Amino acid sequence: MKYKHFDDIEPNNKTDFIMLYFAACRSLHELENAIRRTNNGNLTCRQAWLLRRIQRKLFQMAAVWKKKVLH
């Protein structure tokens, strides 16, 4: 998977942060379910750690966004 650098992303006025946050959470949940289906309902410690890490980063991004919006 190829990722764009943060500085190379153009602004987009068609979406808002709240919609993107919930879409990312849904995708993360679907990814977790797909991993569980392949592992007979279990996650390895590393997989669980990585999923929690992504979820934590989403929470941090939401907190930063809310701080900017409220001030």
Protein backbone atom coordinates (compact mmCIF):
# COMPACT_ATOMS: atom_id res chain seq x y z
CA MET A 1 0.00 0.00 0.00
CA LYS A 2 1.40 3.38 -0.98
CA TYR A 3 0.80 6.35 1.31
CA LYS A 4 0.92 10.03 0.43
CA HIS A 5 3.09 12.33 2.49
CA PHE A 6 1.10 14.73 4.64
CA ASP A 7 2.44 17.77 2.77
CA ASP A 8 1.36 16.32 -0.60
CA ILE A 9 -2.33 16.07 0.33
CA GLU A 10 -4.50 18.79 -1.21
CA PRO A 11 -7.27 20.42 0.85
CA ASN A 12 -10.76 19.03 0.32
CA ASN A 13 -13.88 21.04 1.11
CA LYS A 14 -16.27 18.19 0.25
CA THR A 15 -15.74 16.21 3.46
CA ASP A 16 -15.71 17.03 7.12
CA PHE A 17 -13.68 15.53 9.94
CA ILE A 18 -16.59 13.92 11.78
CA MET A 19 -17.68 11.95 8.72
CA LEU A 20 -14.10 10.81 8.08
CA TYR A 21 -13.57 9.83 11.71
CA PHE A 22 -16.60 7.53 11.76
CA ALA A 23 -15.70 6.08 8.35
CA ALA A 24 -12.20 5.28 9.62
CA CYS A 25 -13.65 3.66 12.77
CA ARG A 26 -15.99 1.50 10.65
CA SER A 27 -13.09 0.43 8.42
CA LEU A 28 -10.97 -0.41 11.45
CA HIS A 29 -13.82 -2.50 12.88
CA GLU A 30 -14.25 -4.33 9.56
CA LEU A 31 -10.51 -5.00 9.43
CA GLU A 32 -10.60 -6.43 12.95
CA ASN A 33 -13.51 -8.70 12.02
CA ALA A 34 -11.72 -9.87 8.85
CA ILE A 35 -8.60 -10.72 10.86
CA ARG A 36 -10.68 -12.56 13.45
CA ARG A 37 -12.41 -14.61 10.71
CA THR A 38 -9.04 -15.76 9.39
CA ASN A 39 -7.76 -16.62 12.90
CA ASN A 40 -10.83 -18.53 14.17
CA GLY A 41 -12.06 -15.58 16.24
CA ASN A 42 -8.73 -14.68 17.81
CA LEU A 43 -6.22 -11.89 17.41
CA THR A 44 -2.54 -12.30 18.12
CA CYS A 45 -1.10 -9.93 20.69
CA ARG A 46 0.70 -8.04 17.92
CA GLN A 47 -2.46 -7.68 15.82
CA ALA A 48 -4.48 -6.45 18.81
CA TRP A 49 -1.70 -4.00 19.72
CA LEU A 50 -1.54 -2.61 16.17
CA LEU A 51 -5.33 -2.19 15.96
CA ARG A 52 -5.41 -0.43 19.34
CA ARG A 53 -2.54 1.78 18.20
CA ILE A 54 -4.48 2.88 15.09
CA GLN A 55 -7.60 3.45 17.21
CA ARG A 56 -5.60 5.55 19.69
CA LYS A 57 -4.24 7.70 16.85
CA LEU A 58 -7.78 8.29 15.60
CA PHE A 59 -8.77 9.40 19.11
CA GLN A 60 -5.77 11.73 19.27
CA MET A 61 -6.61 13.25 15.88
CA ALA A 62 -10.19 13.84 17.03
CA ALA A 63 -8.97 15.49 20.23
CA VAL A 64 -6.66 17.83 18.29
CA TRP A 65 -9.48 18.69 15.87
CA LYS A 66 -11.91 19.42 18.71
CA LYS A 67 -9.33 21.61 20.45
CA LYS A 68 -8.87 23.69 17.27
CA VAL A 69 -12.63 23.95 16.66
CA LEU A 70 -13.48 24.98 20.22
CA HIS A 71 -10.77 27.65 20.46
